[in-house]
N, C-alpha and C. Protein backbone atom coordinates (compact mmCIF):
# COMPACT_ATOMS: atom_id res chain seq x y z
N MET A 1 -19.18 7.26 -39.99
CA MET A 1 -19.84 7.85 -38.39
C MET A 1 -19.61 9.04 -38.52
N GLY A 2 -19.86 9.93 -37.19
CA GLY A 2 -20.04 11.56 -36.90
C GLY A 2 -18.36 11.57 -36.48
N LYS A 3 -18.20 13.10 -36.36
CA LYS A 3 -17.11 12.90 -35.82
C LYS A 3 -17.46 13.06 -34.15
N LYS A 4 -16.20 12.55 -33.25
CA LYS A 4 -16.47 12.00 -31.90
C LYS A 4 -15.96 13.33 -31.45
N SER A 5 -16.33 13.54 -30.19
CA SER A 5 -16.47 14.50 -29.31
C SER A 5 -15.03 14.52 -28.21
N LYS A 6 -14.35 15.27 -27.54
CA LYS A 6 -13.15 15.12 -26.98
C LYS A 6 -13.49 13.91 -25.99
N ARG A 7 -14.87 14.02 -25.37
CA ARG A 7 -15.33 12.91 -24.10
C ARG A 7 -15.02 12.04 -24.37
N THR A 8 -15.42 11.33 -26.10
CA THR A 8 -15.48 10.43 -26.55
C THR A 8 -13.80 9.79 -27.16
N GLU A 9 -13.26 10.74 -27.17
CA GLU A 9 -11.66 10.11 -27.46
C GLU A 9 -10.77 10.01 -26.31
N LYS A 10 -11.42 10.87 -24.76
CA LYS A 10 -10.55 10.27 -24.27
C LYS A 10 -11.17 9.01 -23.53
N LEU A 11 -12.31 8.50 -23.75
CA LEU A 11 -12.62 7.50 -23.07
C LEU A 11 -11.82 5.87 -24.36
N ASN A 12 -11.65 6.10 -25.17
CA ASN A 12 -11.12 5.46 -26.23
C ASN A 12 -9.75 5.33 -26.04
N LEU A 13 -8.94 5.82 -24.88
CA LEU A 13 -7.61 5.65 -25.11
C LEU A 13 -7.05 4.51 -24.77
N PRO A 14 -6.09 3.59 -25.62
CA PRO A 14 -5.68 2.54 -25.28
C PRO A 14 -5.11 2.44 -24.00
N LEU A 15 -5.02 0.86 -23.47
CA LEU A 15 -4.31 0.87 -22.16
C LEU A 15 -2.90 0.72 -22.34
N THR A 16 -2.12 0.15 -23.03
CA THR A 16 -0.79 0.63 -23.26
C THR A 16 -0.32 1.53 -24.71
N ILE A 17 1.01 2.27 -24.42
CA ILE A 17 1.30 2.95 -24.97
C ILE A 17 2.40 2.75 -25.68
N GLU A 18 2.79 3.03 -26.98
CA GLU A 18 4.07 3.35 -27.15
C GLU A 18 5.29 4.24 -26.73
N SER A 19 6.03 3.67 -26.70
CA SER A 19 7.07 4.67 -25.70
C SER A 19 7.96 5.28 -27.11
N SER A 20 8.68 6.27 -26.83
CA SER A 20 9.33 7.24 -28.23
C SER A 20 11.11 5.89 -28.74
N GLU A 21 10.79 4.77 -27.99
CA GLU A 21 11.92 3.74 -28.23
C GLU A 21 11.76 2.99 -29.08
N GLY A 22 10.41 3.04 -29.79
CA GLY A 22 10.29 2.34 -30.94
C GLY A 22 8.87 1.17 -30.29
N SER A 23 8.79 -0.21 -30.71
CA SER A 23 8.04 -0.85 -30.41
C SER A 23 7.80 -1.58 -28.90
N GLU A 24 8.68 -1.03 -27.83
CA GLU A 24 8.47 -1.51 -26.87
C GLU A 24 7.19 -0.65 -25.90
N ARG A 25 6.60 -1.42 -24.95
CA ARG A 25 5.65 -0.96 -24.66
C ARG A 25 4.99 -0.44 -23.31
N LEU A 26 4.69 0.70 -22.94
CA LEU A 26 4.34 1.09 -21.69
C LEU A 26 3.15 0.78 -20.96
N GLU A 27 3.37 0.49 -19.69
CA GLU A 27 2.21 -0.25 -19.11
C GLU A 27 1.56 0.73 -18.45
N VAL A 28 0.48 1.41 -18.51
CA VAL A 28 -0.52 2.23 -17.47
C VAL A 28 -1.30 1.32 -16.37
N ARG A 29 -1.17 2.00 -15.34
CA ARG A 29 -2.04 1.22 -14.82
C ARG A 29 -2.73 2.19 -13.81
N ARG A 30 -4.08 1.81 -13.36
CA ARG A 30 -4.75 2.93 -12.35
C ARG A 30 -4.65 3.38 -11.72
N THR A 31 -4.96 4.64 -10.88
CA THR A 31 -4.60 5.22 -10.28
C THR A 31 -5.24 4.36 -8.57
N ALA A 32 -4.39 4.28 -8.05
CA ALA A 32 -4.37 3.83 -6.45
C ALA A 32 -4.83 4.63 -5.88
N LYS A 33 -6.39 4.51 -5.16
CA LYS A 33 -6.80 5.29 -4.17
C LYS A 33 -6.53 5.34 -2.66
N LEU A 34 -6.61 6.32 -1.77
CA LEU A 34 -5.82 6.36 -0.52
C LEU A 34 -7.07 5.40 0.40
N TYR A 35 -6.52 5.05 1.67
CA TYR A 35 -7.25 3.97 2.19
C TYR A 35 -7.53 4.61 3.48
N ILE A 36 -8.53 5.08 3.68
CA ILE A 36 -8.45 5.66 5.33
C ILE A 36 -10.24 4.78 5.88
N GLY A 37 -10.03 4.19 7.09
CA GLY A 37 -11.11 4.37 7.69
C GLY A 37 -11.92 2.66 6.88
N GLY A 38 -11.12 2.01 6.31
CA GLY A 38 -11.40 1.03 6.18
C GLY A 38 -11.80 0.71 4.43
N ALA A 39 -11.74 2.23 3.75
CA ALA A 39 -12.52 2.35 2.25
C ALA A 39 -11.64 3.10 1.80
N PHE A 40 -12.02 2.88 0.57
CA PHE A 40 -11.05 3.71 -0.35
C PHE A 40 -11.70 5.28 -0.70
N PRO A 41 -11.58 5.93 -0.24
CA PRO A 41 -12.03 7.26 -1.04
C PRO A 41 -11.32 7.90 -1.81
N ARG A 42 -11.58 8.58 -2.94
CA ARG A 42 -10.75 9.68 -3.47
C ARG A 42 -9.92 10.72 -2.57
N SER A 43 -9.24 11.50 -3.10
CA SER A 43 -8.36 12.32 -2.80
C SER A 43 -9.47 13.23 -3.03
N GLU A 44 -9.83 14.37 -1.32
CA GLU A 44 -10.49 15.64 -1.53
C GLU A 44 -10.21 16.16 -2.52
N SER A 45 -8.37 16.34 -3.01
CA SER A 45 -8.02 17.43 -4.26
C SER A 45 -8.48 16.43 -5.65
N GLY A 46 -8.22 15.62 -5.52
CA GLY A 46 -8.57 15.07 -6.75
C GLY A 46 -7.09 14.86 -7.09
N ARG A 47 -5.70 15.12 -7.06
CA ARG A 47 -4.82 15.13 -7.48
C ARG A 47 -4.15 13.60 -7.64
N SER A 48 -3.16 13.57 -8.30
CA SER A 48 -2.05 12.12 -8.37
C SER A 48 -1.09 12.35 -8.79
N GLN A 49 -0.32 11.58 -8.89
CA GLN A 49 1.05 11.66 -8.82
C GLN A 49 1.60 10.13 -9.43
N GLU A 50 2.57 10.59 -10.47
CA GLU A 50 2.80 9.08 -11.66
C GLU A 50 4.06 8.57 -11.01
N VAL A 51 4.01 7.27 -10.81
CA VAL A 51 5.33 6.95 -10.06
C VAL A 51 5.79 5.35 -11.31
N GLN A 52 7.04 6.22 -11.85
CA GLN A 52 7.99 5.10 -12.34
C GLN A 52 8.12 3.52 -11.94
N LEU A 53 7.97 2.54 -12.63
CA LEU A 53 8.54 1.61 -12.13
C LEU A 53 9.71 1.28 -13.06
N ALA A 54 10.55 0.29 -12.48
CA ALA A 54 11.63 -0.30 -12.60
C ALA A 54 11.62 -1.07 -14.12
N LYS A 55 10.46 -1.76 -14.17
CA LYS A 55 10.07 -2.32 -15.51
C LYS A 55 9.20 -1.74 -16.40
N GLY A 56 9.66 -0.50 -16.23
CA GLY A 56 9.27 0.24 -17.25
C GLY A 56 7.37 0.56 -17.22
N GLY A 57 6.58 -0.02 -16.24
CA GLY A 57 5.14 0.23 -16.07
C GLY A 57 5.24 1.47 -15.69
N VAL A 58 4.00 2.33 -15.27
CA VAL A 58 3.34 3.68 -15.00
C VAL A 58 2.59 3.30 -14.16
N ALA A 59 2.56 3.34 -12.68
CA ALA A 59 1.69 3.97 -11.62
C ALA A 59 1.24 4.76 -11.45
N ASN A 60 -0.15 5.28 -11.22
CA ASN A 60 -0.48 6.59 -10.29
C ASN A 60 -1.55 6.52 -9.01
N ILE A 61 -0.37 7.28 -8.16
CA ILE A 61 -0.66 7.17 -6.58
C ILE A 61 -1.51 8.54 -6.48
N ALA A 62 -2.79 8.05 -5.63
CA ALA A 62 -3.18 9.48 -5.04
C ALA A 62 -2.58 10.33 -4.24
N ARG A 63 -2.74 11.67 -4.14
CA ARG A 63 -2.13 12.60 -3.62
C ARG A 63 -3.11 12.77 -2.68
N GLY A 64 -2.61 12.70 -1.13
CA GLY A 64 -3.69 13.11 0.00
C GLY A 64 -4.11 14.51 0.13
N SER A 65 -4.79 15.53 0.47
CA SER A 65 -4.81 16.71 0.77
C SER A 65 -4.78 16.73 2.26
N ARG A 66 -4.75 18.50 2.71
CA ARG A 66 -5.19 18.31 4.46
C ARG A 66 -6.25 17.79 5.26
N LYS A 67 -7.24 18.25 4.34
CA LYS A 67 -8.36 17.40 4.92
C LYS A 67 -8.10 15.83 4.64
N ASP A 68 -7.80 15.13 3.84
CA ASP A 68 -7.74 14.00 3.92
C ASP A 68 -6.85 12.98 4.95
N LEU A 69 -5.32 14.01 5.48
CA LEU A 69 -4.68 13.66 6.02
C LEU A 69 -5.39 13.54 8.01
N ARG A 70 -6.35 14.85 8.18
CA ARG A 70 -7.22 14.89 8.92
C ARG A 70 -8.45 13.62 9.19
N GLU A 71 -8.82 13.55 8.11
CA GLU A 71 -9.70 12.81 7.83
C GLU A 71 -8.98 11.15 8.79
N ALA A 72 -7.52 11.29 7.88
CA ALA A 72 -6.92 9.84 8.56
C ALA A 72 -6.87 9.40 9.71
N VAL A 73 -6.33 10.97 10.61
CA VAL A 73 -5.91 11.13 12.31
C VAL A 73 -7.24 10.78 12.49
N ARG A 74 -8.24 11.18 12.40
CA ARG A 74 -9.52 11.29 12.92
C ARG A 74 -9.84 9.66 12.98
N VAL A 75 -9.87 9.08 11.84
CA VAL A 75 -10.51 7.70 11.74
C VAL A 75 -9.55 6.65 13.01
N ALA A 76 -7.87 6.77 12.60
CA ALA A 76 -6.78 6.32 13.29
C ALA A 76 -7.35 6.25 15.02
N ARG A 77 -7.34 7.94 15.21
CA ARG A 77 -7.62 8.04 16.82
C ARG A 77 -9.02 7.22 17.38
N ILE A 78 -10.56 6.91 16.19
CA ILE A 78 -11.49 5.92 16.91
C ILE A 78 -10.68 4.47 16.91
N ALA A 79 -10.10 4.09 15.76
CA ALA A 79 -9.61 2.37 15.83
C ALA A 79 -9.03 2.36 17.53
N ALA A 80 -7.92 3.44 17.52
CA ALA A 80 -7.09 3.12 18.76
C ALA A 80 -7.55 2.76 20.38
N GLU A 81 -9.18 3.53 20.25
CA GLU A 81 -9.69 2.71 21.28
C GLU A 81 -9.78 1.67 21.59
N PRO A 82 -10.56 0.86 20.73
CA PRO A 82 -10.62 -0.24 20.95
C PRO A 82 -9.70 -1.09 20.61
N TRP A 83 -8.09 -0.98 20.05
CA TRP A 83 -6.99 -1.67 20.21
C TRP A 83 -6.61 -1.88 21.51
N ALA A 84 -6.73 -0.03 21.91
CA ALA A 84 -6.32 -0.32 23.63
C ALA A 84 -6.99 -0.63 24.63
N ALA A 85 -8.49 -1.31 24.26
CA ALA A 85 -8.98 -1.57 25.43
C ALA A 85 -8.92 -3.20 25.32
N ARG A 86 -8.48 -3.95 24.12
CA ARG A 86 -7.86 -5.20 23.90
C ARG A 86 -7.10 -5.50 25.33
N THR A 87 -6.81 -6.89 25.80
CA THR A 87 -5.55 -7.12 26.22
C THR A 87 -4.25 -7.34 25.43
N ALA A 88 -3.48 -7.66 26.43
CA ALA A 88 -2.24 -7.41 25.84
C ALA A 88 -1.74 -8.51 24.88
N MET A 89 -2.25 -9.61 25.36
CA MET A 89 -2.06 -11.23 25.00
C MET A 89 -3.05 -11.08 23.39
N VAL A 90 -4.26 -10.54 23.46
CA VAL A 90 -5.07 -10.54 22.28
C VAL A 90 -4.15 -9.39 21.15
N ARG A 91 -3.96 -8.53 21.57
CA ARG A 91 -3.05 -7.60 20.83
C ARG A 91 -1.83 -8.41 20.23
N GLY A 92 -0.87 -8.97 20.86
CA GLY A 92 -0.25 -9.62 20.34
C GLY A 92 -0.71 -11.21 19.69
N GLN A 93 -1.24 -11.64 19.67
CA GLN A 93 -1.89 -12.57 18.97
C GLN A 93 -2.26 -11.84 17.74
N ILE A 94 -2.58 -11.00 17.62
CA ILE A 94 -2.84 -9.95 16.13
C ILE A 94 -1.85 -9.93 15.50
N LEU A 95 -0.93 -9.25 16.03
CA LEU A 95 -0.05 -8.99 15.34
C LEU A 95 1.09 -10.52 14.81
N TYR A 96 0.97 -11.54 15.78
CA TYR A 96 1.60 -12.64 15.13
C TYR A 96 0.57 -12.61 14.07
N ARG A 97 -0.72 -12.98 13.76
CA ARG A 97 -1.42 -13.26 12.50
C ARG A 97 -1.13 -12.20 11.73
N VAL A 98 -0.71 -11.27 11.65
CA VAL A 98 -0.31 -10.18 10.92
C VAL A 98 0.73 -11.10 10.18
N ALA A 99 1.55 -11.10 11.07
CA ALA A 99 3.16 -11.97 10.68
C ALA A 99 2.87 -13.15 9.55
N GLU A 100 2.17 -13.95 10.33
CA GLU A 100 1.72 -15.22 9.49
C GLU A 100 1.38 -14.80 8.24
N LEU A 101 -0.01 -14.09 8.10
CA LEU A 101 -0.30 -13.24 6.47
C LEU A 101 0.77 -12.75 5.46
N MET A 102 1.61 -12.02 6.48
CA MET A 102 3.22 -11.46 5.43
C MET A 102 3.90 -12.95 5.07
N GLU A 103 3.96 -13.45 5.93
CA GLU A 103 4.63 -14.93 5.31
C GLU A 103 3.89 -15.75 4.02
N GLY A 104 2.70 -15.83 4.36
CA GLY A 104 2.12 -16.35 3.21
C GLY A 104 2.01 -15.51 1.76
N ARG A 105 2.73 -14.54 1.65
CA ARG A 105 2.56 -13.41 0.53
C ARG A 105 3.96 -12.46 0.88
N ALA A 106 5.03 -13.80 1.25
CA ALA A 106 6.17 -13.43 0.96
C ALA A 106 6.50 -13.24 -0.72
N ALA A 107 6.44 -13.98 -1.46
CA ALA A 107 6.95 -14.10 -2.60
C ALA A 107 6.07 -13.03 -3.67
N GLN A 108 4.98 -12.65 -3.30
CA GLN A 108 4.15 -10.89 -3.81
C GLN A 108 4.83 -10.34 -3.24
N PHE A 109 5.35 -10.06 -2.08
CA PHE A 109 6.19 -9.21 -1.32
C PHE A 109 7.29 -9.12 -2.26
N ARG A 110 8.30 -9.74 -2.53
CA ARG A 110 9.41 -10.23 -3.03
C ARG A 110 9.42 -9.56 -4.23
N ASP A 111 8.15 -9.92 -5.14
CA ASP A 111 8.11 -9.67 -6.49
C ASP A 111 7.60 -7.84 -6.57
N ASP A 112 6.94 -7.28 -5.55
CA ASP A 112 6.71 -6.18 -5.64
C ASP A 112 7.98 -5.40 -5.61
N LEU A 113 9.19 -5.83 -4.66
CA LEU A 113 10.32 -5.21 -4.58
C LEU A 113 11.08 -5.19 -5.71
N ILE A 114 11.21 -5.97 -6.11
CA ILE A 114 11.88 -6.64 -7.64
C ILE A 114 11.24 -5.76 -8.56
N SER A 115 9.97 -5.63 -8.99
CA SER A 115 9.69 -4.77 -9.76
C SER A 115 10.16 -3.32 -9.94
N HIS A 116 10.35 -2.68 -8.44
CA HIS A 116 10.60 -1.65 -7.67
C HIS A 116 11.98 -1.26 -7.86
N GLY A 117 12.93 -2.31 -8.56
CA GLY A 117 14.28 -2.10 -8.42
C GLY A 117 15.17 -2.66 -7.68
N ALA A 118 14.71 -3.54 -7.08
CA ALA A 118 15.62 -4.01 -5.57
C ALA A 118 16.05 -5.80 -6.52
N SER A 119 17.31 -5.67 -6.05
CA SER A 119 17.74 -7.18 -6.53
C SER A 119 16.95 -8.22 -6.00
N LYS A 120 16.87 -9.52 -6.50
CA LYS A 120 16.33 -10.81 -5.49
C LYS A 120 16.62 -10.68 -3.94
N SER A 121 18.18 -10.89 -4.06
CA SER A 121 18.86 -11.10 -2.93
C SER A 121 18.19 -10.00 -1.64
N ASP A 122 18.47 -8.40 -2.53
CA ASP A 122 18.04 -7.68 -1.46
C ASP A 122 16.91 -7.93 -1.45
N ALA A 123 15.48 -8.37 -2.21
CA ALA A 123 14.08 -7.86 -1.68
C ALA A 123 13.81 -9.32 -0.55
N ALA A 124 14.66 -10.49 -0.95
CA ALA A 124 14.11 -11.71 -0.11
C ALA A 124 14.52 -11.34 1.45
N ALA A 125 15.88 -10.06 1.57
CA ALA A 125 16.28 -9.97 2.54
C ALA A 125 15.31 -9.05 3.63
N GLU A 126 14.74 -8.45 2.63
CA GLU A 126 13.56 -6.97 3.34
C GLU A 126 12.56 -8.15 3.54
N VAL A 127 12.14 -8.67 3.06
CA VAL A 127 10.61 -9.07 2.94
C VAL A 127 10.95 -10.06 4.65
N SER A 128 12.16 -10.80 4.60
CA SER A 128 12.49 -11.68 5.65
C SER A 128 12.63 -11.04 6.75
N ALA A 129 12.87 -9.82 6.82
CA ALA A 129 13.50 -8.99 8.20
C ALA A 129 12.09 -8.22 8.56
N ALA A 130 11.21 -7.72 7.47
CA ALA A 130 9.96 -7.31 7.73
C ALA A 130 9.23 -8.32 8.58
N ILE A 131 9.24 -9.53 8.15
CA ILE A 131 8.41 -10.23 9.06
C ILE A 131 8.81 -10.56 10.27
N ASP A 132 10.47 -10.72 10.42
CA ASP A 132 10.68 -10.78 11.68
C ASP A 132 10.79 -9.73 12.68
N ARG A 133 10.65 -8.57 12.12
CA ARG A 133 10.40 -7.54 12.68
C ARG A 133 8.26 -7.71 13.21
N MET A 134 7.75 -7.53 12.32
CA MET A 134 6.51 -8.23 12.86
C MET A 134 6.53 -9.00 14.33
N VAL A 135 6.92 -10.00 13.90
CA VAL A 135 6.75 -11.30 15.05
C VAL A 135 7.67 -10.77 16.24
N TRP A 136 8.41 -10.01 16.20
CA TRP A 136 9.19 -9.30 17.20
C TRP A 136 8.10 -8.57 18.11
N TYR A 137 7.48 -7.54 17.03
CA TYR A 137 6.80 -6.95 17.67
C TYR A 137 5.72 -7.30 18.39
N ALA A 138 5.43 -8.77 18.12
CA ALA A 138 3.91 -9.21 18.59
C ALA A 138 4.64 -10.00 19.87
N GLY A 139 5.21 -10.24 20.20
CA GLY A 139 6.17 -10.46 21.46
C GLY A 139 6.44 -9.52 22.36
N TRP A 140 6.46 -8.27 21.87
CA TRP A 140 6.38 -7.85 23.06
C TRP A 140 4.96 -6.78 24.37
N PRO A 141 3.77 -7.20 23.68
CA PRO A 141 2.72 -6.43 24.08
C PRO A 141 2.61 -7.29 25.45
N ASP A 142 2.35 -8.67 25.78
CA ASP A 142 2.28 -9.08 27.03
C ASP A 142 3.35 -8.96 27.95
N LYS A 143 4.85 -8.48 27.11
CA LYS A 143 5.70 -8.49 28.13
C LYS A 143 5.39 -6.80 29.27
N LEU A 144 5.50 -5.70 27.97
CA LEU A 144 5.14 -4.32 28.55
C LEU A 144 4.56 -4.57 29.85
N SER A 145 3.33 -4.96 28.84
CA SER A 145 2.17 -4.80 30.54
C SER A 145 2.11 -5.64 31.73
N ALA A 146 3.22 -6.48 31.50
CA ALA A 146 3.93 -7.34 32.82
C ALA A 146 5.16 -6.33 33.22
N VAL A 147 5.97 -5.54 33.01
CA VAL A 147 6.76 -4.79 33.35
C VAL A 147 6.39 -3.63 33.45
N LEU A 148 5.41 -3.29 33.13
CA LEU A 148 4.85 -1.60 33.23
C LEU A 148 3.47 -1.81 34.06
N GLY A 149 3.02 -2.74 34.11
CA GLY A 149 1.76 -3.01 34.79
C GLY A 149 0.44 -2.62 34.05
N GLY A 150 -0.50 -3.42 33.98
CA GLY A 150 -1.92 -3.22 33.38
C GLY A 150 -2.46 -4.58 32.93
């Protein structure tokens, strides 16, 4: 076969790379994109940052630019209008549903925290506390509207 171009060589990179310590393999994950307005756009700057995980894998996360931040704020302001228009009871029900969804994926959240270096007990406590906080927040919308009026 002929000589490979640099572009072709880049496309044929292995998904795992041998570490300098011998036969240990380093898992390379694809770059996580931004999440803005229900979509996953690429960062305007195109920059990313490598993150080392406790288990040895590498993740790449997109680094947003000021333009990306302005777009996220613009979209969040648009989303805030229909949220504020909902009744307090509906907002509370939505937050309760989020807590239920979190509880359904608690094992996945624990595993993610453990993979980032947390102990099993710390990970379980953190996930449990996050779910409890969401339930606590879900109880407040109707109470605040009763106290503050609205």
